């Protein structure tokens, strides 16, 4: 819901700047300001607000499990989402971080991890 309100506010500002530009006789200037407002709103959402809205206010965020992996768990560490998947081909548990804007993504790999069978596979 908060995400919808955010985008409604951004779109309202874009429309307002276009309207103000046309009323003041400079639609080109209004369009430039509208484009700047939209880009700033989009970058702010993508690089900061998306995960904040999801965690704190119940927004929606979609991520995909890589092909061949099995999802085990997900948890929040501050404002970053950590997802644990299991790769049965390599017998590894992979913790992947989804940070704001996907700029600083961490990854932790645990070898010889077999959580789906309840016991570790024999070492080779």
PDB file of N, CA and C in Angstrom:
ATOM      1  N   UNK A   1       0.817  -1.192   0.000  1.00  0.00           N
ATOM      2  CA  UNK A   1       0.000   0.000   0.000  1.00  0.00           C
ATOM      3  C   UNK A   1       0.860   1.256   0.000  1.00  0.00           C
ATOM      4  N   UNK A   2       1.929   1.245   0.792  1.00  0.00           N
ATOM      5  CA  UNK A   2       2.812   2.395   0.856  1.00  0.00           C
ATOM      6  C   UNK A   2       3.489   2.615  -0.494  1.00  0.00           C
ATOM      7  N   UNK A   3       3.799   1.526  -1.172  1.00  0.00           N
ATOM      8  CA  UNK A   3       4.413   1.640  -2.492  1.00  0.00           C
ATOM      9  C   UNK A   3       3.482   2.362  -3.452  1.00  0.00           C
ATOM     10  N   UNK A   4       2.212   2.037  -3.410  1.00  0.00           N
ATOM     11  CA  UNK A   4       1.238   2.700  -4.283  1.00  0.00           C
ATOM     12  C   UNK A   4       1.141   4.187  -3.955  1.00  0.00           C
ATOM     13  N   UNK A   5       1.158   4.525  -2.676  1.00  0.00           N
ATOM     14  CA  UNK A   5       1.111   5.928  -2.282  1.00  0.00           C
ATOM     15  C   UNK A   5       2.356   6.678  -2.757  1.00  0.00           C
ATOM     16  N   UNK A   6       3.510   6.037  -2.665  1.00  0.00           N
ATOM     17  CA  UNK A   6       4.755   6.649  -3.117  1.00  0.00           C
ATOM     18  C   UNK A   6       4.680   6.951  -4.608  1.00  0.00           C
ATOM     19  N   UNK A   7       4.282   5.954  -5.402  1.00  0.00           N
ATOM     20  CA  UNK A   7       4.225   6.160  -6.846  1.00  0.00           C
ATOM     21  C   UNK A   7       3.120   7.129  -7.226  1.00  0.00           C
ATOM     22  N   UNK A   8       2.030   7.158  -6.495  1.00  0.00           N
ATOM     23  CA  UNK A   8       0.979   8.149  -6.751  1.00  0.00           C
ATOM     24  C   UNK A   8       1.509   9.557  -6.515  1.00  0.00           C
ATOM     25  N   UNK A   9       2.313   9.734  -5.473  1.00  0.00           N
ATOM     26  CA  UNK A   9       2.900  11.044  -5.196  1.00  0.00           C
ATOM     27  C   UNK A   9       3.889  11.447  -6.290  1.00  0.00           C
ATOM     28  N   UNK A  10       4.716  10.508  -6.741  1.00  0.00           N
ATOM     29  CA  UNK A  10       5.676  10.811  -7.812  1.00  0.00           C
ATOM     30  C   UNK A  10       4.934  11.183  -9.092  1.00  0.00           C
ATOM     31  N   UNK A  11       3.929  10.419  -9.449  1.00  0.00           N
ATOM     32  CA  UNK A  11       3.169  10.703 -10.672  1.00  0.00           C
ATOM     33  C   UNK A  11       2.420  12.031 -10.552  1.00  0.00           C
ATOM     34  N   UNK A  12       1.886  12.316  -9.358  1.00  0.00           N
ATOM     35  CA  UNK A  12       1.201  13.598  -9.149  1.00  0.00           C
ATOM     36  C   UNK A  12       2.172  14.764  -9.340  1.00  0.00           C
ATOM     37  N   UNK A  13       3.390  14.628  -8.842  1.00  0.00           N
ATOM     38  CA  UNK A  13       4.385  15.688  -9.035  1.00  0.00           C
ATOM     39  C   UNK A  13       4.763  15.840 -10.503  1.00  0.00           C
ATOM     40  N   UNK A  14       4.851  14.732 -11.226  1.00  0.00           N
ATOM     41  CA  UNK A  14       5.159  14.790 -12.654  1.00  0.00           C
ATOM     42  C   UNK A  14       4.042  15.515 -13.399  1.00  0.00           C
ATOM     43  N   UNK A  15       2.805  15.140 -13.137  1.00  0.00           N
ATOM     44  CA  UNK A  15       1.667  15.775 -13.805  1.00  0.00           C
ATOM     45  C   UNK A  15       1.572  17.253 -13.422  1.00  0.00           C
ATOM     46  N   UNK A  16       1.810  17.567 -12.154  1.00  0.00           N
ATOM     47  CA  UNK A  16       1.780  18.952 -11.703  1.00  0.00           C
ATOM     48  C   UNK A  16       2.842  19.798 -12.403  1.00  0.00           C
ATOM     49  N   UNK A  17       4.031  19.252 -12.563  1.00  0.00           N
ATOM     50  CA  UNK A  17       5.081  20.016 -13.246  1.00  0.00           C
ATOM     51  C   UNK A  17       4.757  20.210 -14.728  1.00  0.00           C
ATOM     52  N   UNK A  18       4.150  19.204 -15.358  1.00  0.00           N
ATOM     53  CA  UNK A  18       3.725  19.383 -16.752  1.00  0.00           C
ATOM     54  C   UNK A  18       2.624  20.435 -16.853  1.00  0.00           C
ATOM     55  N   UNK A  19       1.671  20.381 -15.931  1.00  0.00           N
ATOM     56  CA  UNK A  19       0.580  21.356 -15.932  1.00  0.00           C
ATOM     57  C   UNK A  19       1.107  22.763 -15.687  1.00  0.00           C
ATOM     58  N   UNK A  20       1.985  22.912 -14.691  1.00  0.00           N
ATOM     59  CA  UNK A  20       2.553  24.227 -14.376  1.00  0.00           C
ATOM     60  C   UNK A  20       3.376  24.752 -15.550  1.00  0.00           C
ATOM     61  N   UNK A  21       4.116  23.866 -16.199  1.00  0.00           N
ATOM     62  CA  UNK A  21       4.899  24.294 -17.357  1.00  0.00           C
ATOM     63  C   UNK A  21       4.023  24.782 -18.492  1.00  0.00           C
ATOM     64  N   UNK A  22       2.898  24.113 -18.731  1.00  0.00           N
ATOM     65  CA  UNK A  22       2.007  24.540 -19.811  1.00  0.00           C
ATOM     66  C   UNK A  22       1.300  25.846 -19.454  1.00  0.00           C
ATOM     67  N   UNK A  23       0.940  26.027 -18.175  1.00  0.00           N
ATOM     68  CA  UNK A  23       0.268  27.265 -17.755  1.00  0.00           C
ATOM     69  C   UNK A  23       1.216  28.455 -17.774  1.00  0.00           C
ATOM     70  N   UNK A  24       2.500  28.211 -17.543  1.00  0.00           N
ATOM     71  CA  UNK A  24       3.469  29.307 -17.543  1.00  0.00           C
ATOM     72  C   UNK A  24       4.058  29.559 -18.935  1.00  0.00           C
ATOM     73  N   UNK A  25       3.616  28.793 -19.911  1.00  0.00           N
ATOM     74  CA  UNK A  25       4.036  29.035 -21.285  1.00  0.00           C
ATOM     75  C   UNK A  25       5.304  28.319 -21.708  1.00  0.00           C
ATOM     76  N   UNK A  26       5.802  27.407 -20.902  1.00  0.00           N
ATOM     77  CA  UNK A  26       7.023  26.689 -21.257  1.00  0.00           C
ATOM     78  C   UNK A  26       6.826  25.197 -20.987  1.00  0.00           C
ATOM     79  N   UNK A  27       6.148  24.533 -21.908  1.00  0.00           N
ATOM     80  CA  UNK A  27       5.910  23.101 -21.755  1.00  0.00           C
ATOM     81  C   UNK A  27       7.223  22.316 -21.782  1.00  0.00           C
ATOM     82  N   UNK A  28       8.208  22.824 -22.528  1.00  0.00           N
ATOM     83  CA  UNK A  28       9.509  22.146 -22.599  1.00  0.00           C
ATOM     84  C   UNK A  28      10.175  22.127 -21.219  1.00  0.00           C
ATOM     85  N   UNK A  29      10.146  23.273 -20.533  1.00  0.00           N
ATOM     86  CA  UNK A  29      10.728  23.333 -19.200  1.00  0.00           C
ATOM     87  C   UNK A  29       9.957  22.428 -18.235  1.00  0.00           C
ATOM     88  N   UNK A  30       8.629  22.420 -18.340  1.00  0.00           N
ATOM     89  CA  UNK A  30       7.814  21.544 -17.499  1.00  0.00           C
ATOM     90  C   UNK A  30       8.119  20.073 -17.749  1.00  0.00           C
ATOM     91  N   UNK A  31       8.343  19.714 -19.029  1.00  0.00           N
ATOM     92  CA  UNK A  31       8.672  18.327 -19.362  1.00  0.00           C
ATOM     93  C   UNK A  31      10.044  17.936 -18.815  1.00  0.00           C
ATOM     94  N   UNK A  32      10.979  18.857 -18.856  1.00  0.00           N
ATOM     95  CA  UNK A  32      12.319  18.571 -18.311  1.00  0.00           C
ATOM     96  C   UNK A  32      12.237  18.362 -16.804  1.00  0.00           C
ATOM     97  N   UNK A  33      11.511  19.226 -16.134  1.00  0.00           N
ATOM     98  CA  UNK A  33      11.354  19.089 -14.678  1.00  0.00           C
ATOM     99  C   UNK A  33      10.596  17.806 -14.342  1.00  0.00           C
ATOM    100  N   UNK A  34       9.578  17.472 -15.145  1.00  0.00           N
ATOM    101  CA  UNK A  34       8.829  16.227 -14.924  1.00  0.00           C
ATOM    102  C   UNK A  34       9.737  15.010 -15.081  1.00  0.00           C
ATOM    103  N   UNK A  35      10.596  15.031 -16.102  1.00  0.00           N
ATOM    104  CA  UNK A  35      11.529  13.914 -16.305  1.00  0.00           C
ATOM    105  C   UNK A  35      12.508  13.791 -15.143  1.00  0.00           C
ATOM    106  N   UNK A  36      12.988  14.921 -14.643  1.00  0.00           N
ATOM    107  CA  UNK A  36      13.920  14.900 -13.503  1.00  0.00           C
ATOM    108  C   UNK A  36      13.218  14.346 -12.263  1.00  0.00           C
ATOM    109  N   UNK A  37      11.984  14.790 -12.013  1.00  0.00           N
ATOM    110  CA  UNK A  37      11.229  14.296 -10.855  1.00  0.00           C
ATOM    111  C   UNK A  37      11.011  12.789 -10.967  1.00  0.00           C
ATOM    112  N   UNK A  38      10.638  12.319 -12.158  1.00  0.00           N
ATOM    113  CA  UNK A  38      10.403  10.890 -12.335  1.00  0.00           C
ATOM    114  C   UNK A  38      11.683  10.081 -12.123  1.00  0.00           C
ATOM    115  N   UNK A  39      12.805  10.538 -12.697  1.00  0.00           N
ATOM    116  CA  UNK A  39      14.060   9.805 -12.550  1.00  0.00           C
ATOM    117  C   UNK A  39      14.539   9.786 -11.101  1.00  0.00           C
ATOM    118  N   UNK A  40      14.430  10.926 -10.419  1.00  0.00           N
ATOM    119  CA  UNK A  40      14.828  10.964  -9.009  1.00  0.00           C
ATOM    120  C   UNK A  40      13.935  10.035  -8.187  1.00  0.00           C
ATOM    121  N   UNK A  41      12.622  10.045  -8.468  1.00  0.00           N
ATOM    122  CA  UNK A  41      11.695   9.152  -7.766  1.00  0.00           C
ATOM    123  C   UNK A  41      12.001   7.690  -8.023  1.00  0.00           C
ATOM    124  N   UNK A  42      12.328   7.358  -9.282  1.00  0.00           N
ATOM    125  CA  UNK A  42      12.635   5.966  -9.622  1.00  0.00           C
ATOM    126  C   UNK A  42      13.930   5.511  -8.968  1.00  0.00           C
ATOM    127  N   UNK A  43      14.988   6.347  -9.065  1.00  0.00           N
ATOM    128  CA  UNK A  43      16.261   5.976  -8.444  1.00  0.00           C
ATOM    129  C   UNK A  43      16.120   5.870  -6.927  1.00  0.00           C
ATOM    130  N   UNK A  44      15.383   6.788  -6.301  1.00  0.00           N
ATOM    131  CA  UNK A  44      15.192   6.725  -4.850  1.00  0.00           C
ATOM    132  C   UNK A  44      14.473   5.439  -4.462  1.00  0.00           C
ATOM    133  N   UNK A  45      13.464   5.055  -5.242  1.00  0.00           N
ATOM    134  CA  UNK A  45      12.736   3.824  -4.934  1.00  0.00           C
ATOM    135  C   UNK A  45      13.646   2.607  -5.103  1.00  0.00           C
ATOM    136  N   UNK A  46      14.322   2.533  -6.235  1.00  0.00           N
ATOM    137  CA  UNK A  46      15.125   1.346  -6.541  1.00  0.00           C
ATOM    138  C   UNK A  46      16.325   1.221  -5.607  1.00  0.00           C
ATOM    139  N   UNK A  47      16.990   2.315  -5.295  1.00  0.00           N
ATOM    140  CA  UNK A  47      18.214   2.243  -4.505  1.00  0.00           C
ATOM    141  C   UNK A  47      18.010   2.438  -3.008  1.00  0.00           C
ATOM    142  N   UNK A  48      16.792   2.790  -2.575  1.00  0.00           N
ATOM    143  CA  UNK A  48      16.610   2.971  -1.143  1.00  0.00           C
ATOM    144  C   UNK A  48      15.271   2.444  -0.618  1.00  0.00           C
ATOM    145  N   UNK A  49      14.177   2.890  -1.190  1.00  0.00           N
ATOM    146  CA  UNK A  49      12.882   2.673  -0.568  1.00  0.00           C
ATOM    147  C   UNK A  49      12.273   1.290  -0.774  1.00  0.00           C
ATOM    148  N   UNK A  50      12.633   0.547  -1.805  1.00  0.00           N
ATOM    149  CA  UNK A  50      11.956  -0.729  -2.091  1.00  0.00           C
ATOM    150  C   UNK A  50      11.991  -1.675  -0.895  1.00  0.00           C
ATOM    151  N   UNK A  51      13.183  -1.995  -0.412  1.00  0.00           N
ATOM    152  CA  UNK A  51      13.275  -2.932   0.704  1.00  0.00           C
ATOM    153  C   UNK A  51      12.782  -2.320   2.008  1.00  0.00           C
ATOM    154  N   UNK A  52      12.929  -1.006   2.168  1.00  0.00           N
ATOM    155  CA  UNK A  52      12.418  -0.350   3.372  1.00  0.00           C
ATOM    156  C   UNK A  52      10.898  -0.480   3.421  1.00  0.00           C
ATOM    157  N   UNK A  53      10.227  -0.247   2.291  1.00  0.00           N
ATOM    158  CA  UNK A  53       8.772  -0.379   2.248  1.00  0.00           C
ATOM    159  C   UNK A  53       8.346  -1.813   2.522  1.00  0.00           C
ATOM    160  N   UNK A  54       9.051  -2.774   1.933  1.00  0.00           N
ATOM    161  CA  UNK A  54       8.681  -4.180   2.111  1.00  0.00           C
ATOM    162  C   UNK A  54       8.840  -4.597   3.570  1.00  0.00           C
ATOM    163  N   UNK A  55       9.956  -4.260   4.163  1.00  0.00           N
ATOM    164  CA  UNK A  55      10.214  -4.709   5.530  1.00  0.00           C
ATOM    165  C   UNK A  55       9.356  -3.986   6.559  1.00  0.00           C
ATOM    166  N   UNK A  56       9.273  -2.682   6.461  1.00  0.00           N
ATOM    167  CA  UNK A  56       8.618  -1.909   7.516  1.00  0.00           C
ATOM    168  C   UNK A  56       7.120  -1.713   7.322  1.00  0.00           C
ATOM    169  N   UNK A  57       6.666  -1.709   6.061  1.00  0.00           N
ATOM    170  CA  UNK A  57       5.274  -1.353   5.812  1.00  0.00           C
ATOM    171  C   UNK A  57       4.503  -2.417   5.037  1.00  0.00           C
ATOM    172  N   UNK A  58       5.115  -3.573   4.771  1.00  0.00           N
ATOM    173  CA  UNK A  58       4.384  -4.659   4.134  1.00  0.00           C
ATOM    174  C   UNK A  58       4.218  -4.514   2.637  1.00  0.00           C
ATOM    175  N   UNK A  59       5.214  -4.011   1.964  1.00  0.00           N
ATOM    176  CA  UNK A  59       5.147  -3.901   0.513  1.00  0.00           C
ATOM    177  C   UNK A  59       5.384  -5.243  -0.157  1.00  0.00           C
ATOM    178  N   UNK A  60       5.591  -5.216  -1.464  1.00  0.00           N
ATOM    179  CA  UNK A  60       5.792  -6.443  -2.242  1.00  0.00           C
ATOM    180  C   UNK A  60       7.129  -6.352  -2.968  1.00  0.00           C
ATOM    181  N   UNK A  61       7.895  -7.428  -2.905  1.00  0.00           N
ATOM    182  CA  UNK A  61       9.181  -7.519  -3.602  1.00  0.00           C
ATOM    183  C   UNK A  61       9.297  -8.932  -4.138  1.00  0.00           C
ATOM    184  N   UNK A  62       9.736  -9.073  -5.359  1.00  0.00           N
ATOM    185  CA  UNK A  62       9.842 -10.404  -5.966  1.00  0.00           C
ATOM    186  C   UNK A  62      11.300 -10.733  -6.275  1.00  0.00           C
ATOM    187  N   UNK A  63      11.701 -11.930  -5.860  1.00  0.00           N
ATOM    188  CA  UNK A  63      13.013 -12.464  -6.236  1.00  0.00           C
ATOM    189  C   UNK A  63      12.776 -13.884  -6.721  1.00  0.00           C
ATOM    190  N   UNK A  64      13.732 -14.420  -7.480  1.00  0.00           N
ATOM    191  CA  UNK A  64      13.593 -15.759  -8.044  1.00  0.00           C
ATOM    192  C   UNK A  64      14.664 -16.679  -7.490  1.00  0.00           C
ATOM    193  N   UNK A  65      14.297 -17.919  -7.299  1.00  0.00           N
ATOM    194  CA  UNK A  65      15.254 -18.950  -6.915  1.00  0.00           C
ATOM    195  C   UNK A  65      15.955 -19.408  -8.193  1.00  0.00           C
ATOM    196  N   UNK A  66      17.295 -19.456  -8.200  1.00  0.00           N
ATOM    197  CA  UNK A  66      18.006 -19.895  -9.409  1.00  0.00           C
ATOM    198  C   UNK A  66      17.594 -21.310  -9.823  1.00  0.00           C
ATOM    199  N   UNK A  67      17.645 -21.566 -11.113  1.00  0.00           N
ATOM    200  CA  UNK A  67      17.283 -22.885 -11.636  1.00  0.00           C
ATOM    201  C   UNK A  67      18.133 -23.974 -11.002  1.00  0.00           C
ATOM    202  N   UNK A  68      17.493 -25.046 -10.594  1.00  0.00           N
ATOM    203  CA  UNK A  68      18.195 -26.183  -9.999  1.00  0.00           C
ATOM    204  C   UNK A  68      18.405 -26.047  -8.498  1.00  0.00           C
ATOM    205  N   UNK A  69      18.149 -24.882  -7.922  1.00  0.00           N
ATOM    206  CA  UNK A  69      18.315 -24.683  -6.488  1.00  0.00           C
ATOM    207  C   UNK A  69      16.985 -24.895  -5.780  1.00  0.00           C
ATOM    208  N   UNK A  70      17.070 -25.119  -4.486  1.00  0.00           N
ATOM    209  CA  UNK A  70      15.878 -25.246  -3.655  1.00  0.00           C
ATOM    210  C   UNK A  70      15.943 -24.197  -2.559  1.00  0.00           C
ATOM    211  N   UNK A  71      14.837 -23.502  -2.372  1.00  0.00           N
ATOM    212  CA  UNK A  71      14.783 -22.454  -1.359  1.00  0.00           C
ATOM    213  C   UNK A  71      14.643 -23.062   0.032  1.00  0.00           C
ATOM    214  N   UNK A  72      15.410 -22.527   0.989  1.00  0.00           N
ATOM    215  CA  UNK A  72      15.353 -23.023   2.361  1.00  0.00           C
ATOM    216  C   UNK A  72      14.781 -21.970   3.305  1.00  0.00           C
ATOM    217  N   UNK A  73      15.349 -20.753   3.290  1.00  0.00           N
ATOM    218  CA  UNK A  73      14.908 -19.741   4.250  1.00  0.00           C
ATOM    219  C   UNK A  73      15.234 -18.347   3.748  1.00  0.00           C
ATOM    220  N   UNK A  74      14.603 -17.370   4.379  1.00  0.00           N
ATOM    221  CA  UNK A  74      14.899 -15.965   4.116  1.00  0.00           C
ATOM    222  C   UNK A  74      14.790 -15.213   5.436  1.00  0.00           C
ATOM    223  N   UNK A  75      15.651 -14.209   5.630  1.00  0.00           N
ATOM    224  CA  UNK A  75      15.627 -13.415   6.847  1.00  0.00           C
ATOM    225  C   UNK A  75      16.139 -12.015   6.548  1.00  0.00           C
ATOM    226  N   UNK A  76      15.775 -11.071   7.400  1.00  0.00           N
ATOM    227  CA  UNK A  76      16.232  -9.697   7.264  1.00  0.00           C
ATOM    228  C   UNK A  76      17.385  -9.453   8.211  1.00  0.00           C
ATOM    229  N   UNK A  77      18.407  -8.765   7.746  1.00  0.00           N
ATOM    230  CA  UNK A  77      19.498  -8.253   8.577  1.00  0.00           C
ATOM    231  C   UNK A  77      19.544  -6.763   8.297  1.00  0.00           C
ATOM    232  N   UNK A  78      19.078  -5.979   9.245  1.00  0.00           N
ATOM    233  CA  UNK A  78      18.843  -4.543   9.075  1.00  0.00           C
ATOM    234  C   UNK A  78      17.853  -4.370   7.914  1.00  0.00           C
ATOM    235  N   UNK A  79      18.216  -3.648   6.866  1.00  0.00           N
ATOM    236  CA  UNK A  79      17.294  -3.451   5.745  1.00  0.00           C
ATOM    237  C   UNK A  79      17.627  -4.336   4.557  1.00  0.00           C
ATOM    238  N   UNK A  80      18.498  -5.309   4.730  1.00  0.00           N
ATOM    239  CA  UNK A  80      18.887  -6.190   3.632  1.00  0.00           C
ATOM    240  C   UNK A  80      18.287  -7.581   3.832  1.00  0.00           C
ATOM    241  N   UNK A  81      17.862  -8.168   2.743  1.00  0.00           N
ATOM    242  CA  UNK A  81      17.257  -9.496   2.769  1.00  0.00           C
ATOM    243  C   UNK A  81      18.320 -10.546   2.459  1.00  0.00           C
ATOM    244  N   UNK A  82      18.409 -11.557   3.304  1.00  0.00           N
ATOM    245  CA  UNK A  82      19.303 -12.692   3.075  1.00  0.00           C
ATOM    246  C   UNK A  82      18.444 -13.916   2.761  1.00  0.00           C
ATOM    247  N   UNK A  83      18.784 -14.599   1.681  1.00  0.00           N
ATOM    248  CA  UNK A  83      18.024 -15.765   1.233  1.00  0.00           C
ATOM    249  C   UNK A  83      18.959 -16.970   1.201  1.00  0.00           C
ATOM    250  N   UNK A  84      18.518 -18.091   1.775  1.00  0.00           N
ATOM    251  CA  UNK A  84      19.304 -19.321   1.749  1.00  0.00           C
ATOM    252  C   UNK A  84      18.687 -20.291   0.750  1.00  0.00           C
ATOM    253  N   UNK A  85      19.507 -20.730  -0.190  1.00  0.00           N
ATOM    254  CA  UNK A  85      19.101 -21.736  -1.170  1.00  0.00           C
ATOM    255  C   UNK A  85      20.080 -22.905  -1.099  1.00  0.00           C
ATOM    256  N   UNK A  86      19.634 -24.043  -1.541  1.00  0.00           N
ATOM    257  CA  UNK A  86      20.469 -25.249  -1.558  1.00  0.00           C
ATOM    258  C   UNK A  86      20.642 -25.696  -3.003  1.00  0.00           C
ATOM    259  N   UNK A  87      21.894 -25.973  -3.374  1.00  0.00           N
ATOM    260  CA  UNK A  87      22.210 -26.488  -4.715  1.00  0.00           C
ATOM    261  C   UNK A  87      22.540 -27.968  -4.584  1.00  0.00           C
ATOM    262  N   UNK A  88      21.621 -28.865  -4.986  1.00  0.00           N
ATOM    263  CA  UNK A  88      21.872 -30.302  -4.826  1.00  0.00           C
ATOM    264  C   UNK A  88      22.997 -30.827  -5.710  1.00  0.00           C
ATOM    265  N   UNK A  89      23.292 -30.173  -6.810  1.00  0.00           N
ATOM    266  CA  UNK A  89      24.368 -30.649  -7.698  1.00  0.00           C
ATOM    267  C   UNK A  89      25.735 -30.515  -7.053  1.00  0.00           C
ATOM    268  N   UNK A  90      25.962 -29.399  -6.347  1.00  0.00           N
ATOM    269  CA  UNK A  90      27.271 -29.179  -5.718  1.00  0.00           C
ATOM    270  C   UNK A  90      27.247 -29.445  -4.216  1.00  0.00           C
ATOM    271  N   UNK A  91      26.052 -29.769  -3.659  1.00  0.00           N
ATOM    272  CA  UNK A  91      25.889 -30.013  -2.231  1.00  0.00           C
ATOM    273  C   UNK A  91      26.340 -28.797  -1.409  1.00  0.00           C
ATOM    274  N   UNK A  92      25.874 -27.618  -1.820  1.00  0.00           N
ATOM    275  CA  UNK A  92      26.238 -26.380  -1.143  1.00  0.00           C
ATOM    276  C   UNK A  92      24.984 -25.604  -0.742  1.00  0.00           C
ATOM    277  N   UNK A  93      25.055 -24.985   0.435  1.00  0.00           N
ATOM    278  CA  UNK A  93      24.040 -24.027   0.861  1.00  0.00           C
ATOM    279  C   UNK A  93      24.587 -22.641   0.524  1.00  0.00           C
ATOM    280  N   UNK A  94      23.778 -21.831  -0.121  1.00  0.00           N
ATOM    281  CA  UNK A  94      24.221 -20.521  -0.579  1.00  0.00           C
ATOM    282  C   UNK A  94      23.338 -19.461   0.050  1.00  0.00           C
ATOM    283  N   UNK A  95      23.949 -18.594   0.853  1.00  0.00           N
ATOM    284  CA  UNK A  95      23.267 -17.442   1.421  1.00  0.00           C
ATOM    285  C   UNK A  95      23.554 -16.251   0.512  1.00  0.00           C
ATOM    286  N   UNK A  96      22.516 -15.632  -0.030  1.00  0.00           N
ATOM    287  CA  UNK A  96      22.675 -14.486  -0.914  1.00  0.00           C
ATOM    288  C   UNK A  96      22.005 -13.273  -0.289  1.00  0.00           C
ATOM    289  N   UNK A  97      22.707 -12.147  -0.354  1.00  0.00           N
ATOM    290  CA  UNK A  97      22.173 -10.899   0.182  1.00  0.00           C
ATOM    291  C   UNK A  97      21.556 -10.078  -0.936  1.00  0.00           C
ATOM    292  N   UNK A  98      20.381  -9.548  -0.686  1.00  0.00           N
ATOM    293  CA  UNK A  98      19.743  -8.616  -1.603  1.00  0.00           C
ATOM    294  C   UNK A  98      19.721  -7.263  -0.905  1.00  0.00           C
ATOM    295  N   UNK A  99      20.662  -6.404  -1.290  1.00  0.00           N
ATOM    296  CA  UNK A  99      20.782  -5.109  -0.643  1.00  0.00           C
ATOM    297  C   UNK A  99      20.040  -4.052  -1.439  1.00  0.00           C
ATOM    298  N   UNK A 100      19.987  -2.862  -0.890  1.00  0.00           N
ATOM    299  CA  UNK A 100      19.302  -1.761  -1.550  1.00  0.00           C
ATOM    300  C   UNK A 100      19.950  -1.503  -2.900  1.00  0.00           C
ATOM    301  N   UNK A 101      19.171  -1.584  -3.955  1.00  0.00           N
ATOM    302  CA  UNK A 101      19.678  -1.328  -5.292  1.00  0.00           C
ATOM    303  C   UNK A 101      20.586  -2.409  -5.822  1.00  0.00           C
ATOM    304  N   UNK A 102      20.735  -3.495  -5.089  1.00  0.00           N
ATOM    305  CA  UNK A 102      21.597  -4.605  -5.490  1.00  0.00           C
ATOM    306  C   UNK A 102      23.026  -4.152  -5.760  1.00  0.00           C
ATOM    307  N   UNK A 103      23.500  -3.164  -5.008  1.00  0.00           N
ATOM    308  CA  UNK A 103      24.858  -2.660  -5.207  1.00  0.00           C
ATOM    309  C   UNK A 103      25.891  -3.486  -4.458  1.00  0.00           C
ATOM    310  N   UNK A 104      25.635  -3.756  -3.189  1.00  0.00           N
ATOM    311  CA  UNK A 104      26.595  -4.495  -2.372  1.00  0.00           C
ATOM    312  C   UNK A 104      25.967  -5.805  -1.960  1.00  0.00           C
ATOM    313  N   UNK A 105      26.062  -6.784  -2.821  1.00  0.00           N
ATOM    314  CA  UNK A 105      25.452  -8.069  -2.524  1.00  0.00           C
ATOM    315  C   UNK A 105      26.508  -9.022  -1.986  1.00  0.00           C
ATOM    316  N   UNK A 106      26.241  -9.563  -0.810  1.00  0.00           N
ATOM    317  CA  UNK A 106      27.139 -10.535  -0.222  1.00  0.00           C
ATOM    318  C   UNK A 106      26.699 -11.944  -0.569  1.00  0.00           C
ATOM    319  N   UNK A 107      27.622 -12.874  -0.443  1.00  0.00           N
ATOM    320  CA  UNK A 107      27.308 -14.266  -0.702  1.00  0.00           C
ATOM    321  C   UNK A 107      28.174 -15.125   0.208  1.00  0.00           C
ATOM    322  N   UNK A 108      27.525 -16.069   0.884  1.00  0.00           N
ATOM    323  CA  UNK A 108      28.228 -17.016   1.750  1.00  0.00           C
ATOM    324  C   UNK A 108      27.882 -18.406   1.242  1.00  0.00           C
ATOM    325  N   UNK A 109      28.914 -19.227   1.001  1.00  0.00           N
ATOM    326  CA  UNK A 109      28.710 -20.585   0.491  1.00  0.00           C
ATOM    327  C   UNK A 109      29.207 -21.578   1.535  1.00  0.00           C
ATOM    328  N   UNK A 110      28.333 -22.493   1.918  1.00  0.00           N
ATOM    329  CA  UNK A 110      28.703 -23.545   2.865  1.00  0.00           C
ATOM    330  C   UNK A 110      28.788 -24.844   2.079  1.00  0.00           C
ATOM    331  N   UNK A 111      29.977 -25.427   2.043  1.00  0.00           N
ATOM    332  CA  UNK A 111      30.183 -26.671   1.297  1.00  0.00           C
ATOM    333  C   UNK A 111      29.780 -27.864   2.154  1.00  0.00           C
ATOM    334  N   UNK A 112      29.492 -28.974   1.481  1.00  0.00           N
ATOM    335  CA  UNK A 112      29.074 -30.211   2.143  1.00  0.00           C
ATOM    336  C   UNK A 112      27.876 -29.983   3.061  1.00  0.00           C
ATOM    337  N   UNK A 113      26.944 -29.254   2.561  1.00  0.00           N
ATOM    338  CA  UNK A 113      25.726 -28.947   3.298  1.00  0.00           C
ATOM    339  C   UNK A 113      24.587 -29.697   2.622  1.00  0.00           C
ATOM    340  N   UNK A 114      23.845 -30.473   3.392  1.00  0.00           N
ATOM    341  CA  UNK A 114      22.730 -31.201   2.817  1.00  0.00           C
ATOM    342  C   UNK A 114      21.532 -31.102   3.756  1.00  0.00           C
ATOM    343  N   UNK A 115      20.896 -29.941   3.801  1.00  0.00           N
ATOM    344  CA  UNK A 115      19.825 -29.742   4.790  1.00  0.00           C
ATOM    345  C   UNK A 115      18.539 -30.486   4.465  1.00  0.00           C
ATOM    346  N   UNK A 116      18.362 -30.883   3.232  1.00  0.00           N
ATOM    347  CA  UNK A 116      17.101 -31.513   2.857  1.00  0.00           C
ATOM    348  C   UNK A 116      17.012 -32.968   3.295  1.00  0.00           C
ATOM    349  N   UNK A 117      18.151 -33.612   3.512  1.00  0.00           N
ATOM    350  CA  UNK A 117      18.157 -35.006   3.955  1.00  0.00           C
ATOM    351  C   UNK A 117      18.368 -35.140   5.458  1.00  0.00           C
ATOM    352  N   UNK A 118      18.720 -34.021   6.108  1.00  0.00           N
ATOM    353  CA  UNK A 118      18.903 -34.062   7.546  1.00  0.00           C
ATOM    354  C   UNK A 118      20.287 -34.501   7.974  1.00  0.00           C
ATOM    355  N   UNK A 119      21.133 -34.893   7.051  1.00  0.00           N
ATOM    356  CA  UNK A 119      22.497 -35.277   7.392  1.00  0.00           C
ATOM    357  C   UNK A 119      23.417 -34.834   6.278  1.00  0.00           C
ATOM    358  N   UNK A 120      24.668 -34.597   6.609  1.00  0.00           N
ATOM    359  CA  UNK A 120      25.630 -34.137   5.610  1.00  0.00           C
ATOM    360  C   UNK A 120      26.051 -35.285   4.716  1.00  0.00           C
ATOM    361  N   UNK A 121      26.316 -34.949   3.488  1.00  0.00           N
ATOM    362  CA  UNK A 121      26.808 -35.950   2.535  1.00  0.00           C
ATOM    363  C   UNK A 121      28.244 -36.308   2.899  1.00  0.00           C
ATOM    364  N   UNK A 122      28.669 -37.508   2.581  1.00  0.00           N
ATOM    365  CA  UNK A 122      30.047 -37.886   2.892  1.00  0.00           C
ATOM    366  C   UNK A 122      31.034 -37.030   2.119  1.00  0.00           C
ATOM    367  N   UNK A 123      32.121 -36.681   2.766  1.00  0.00           N
ATOM    368  CA  UNK A 123      33.164 -35.883   2.113  1.00  0.00           C
ATOM    369  C   UNK A 123      33.961 -36.729   1.167  1.00  0.00           C
ATOM    370  N   UNK A 124      34.373 -36.073   0.113  1.00  0.00           N
ATOM    371  CA  UNK A 124      35.174 -36.805  -0.895  1.00  0.00           C
ATOM    372  C   UNK A 124      36.605 -36.394  -0.846  1.00  0.00           C
TER     373      UNK A 124
END
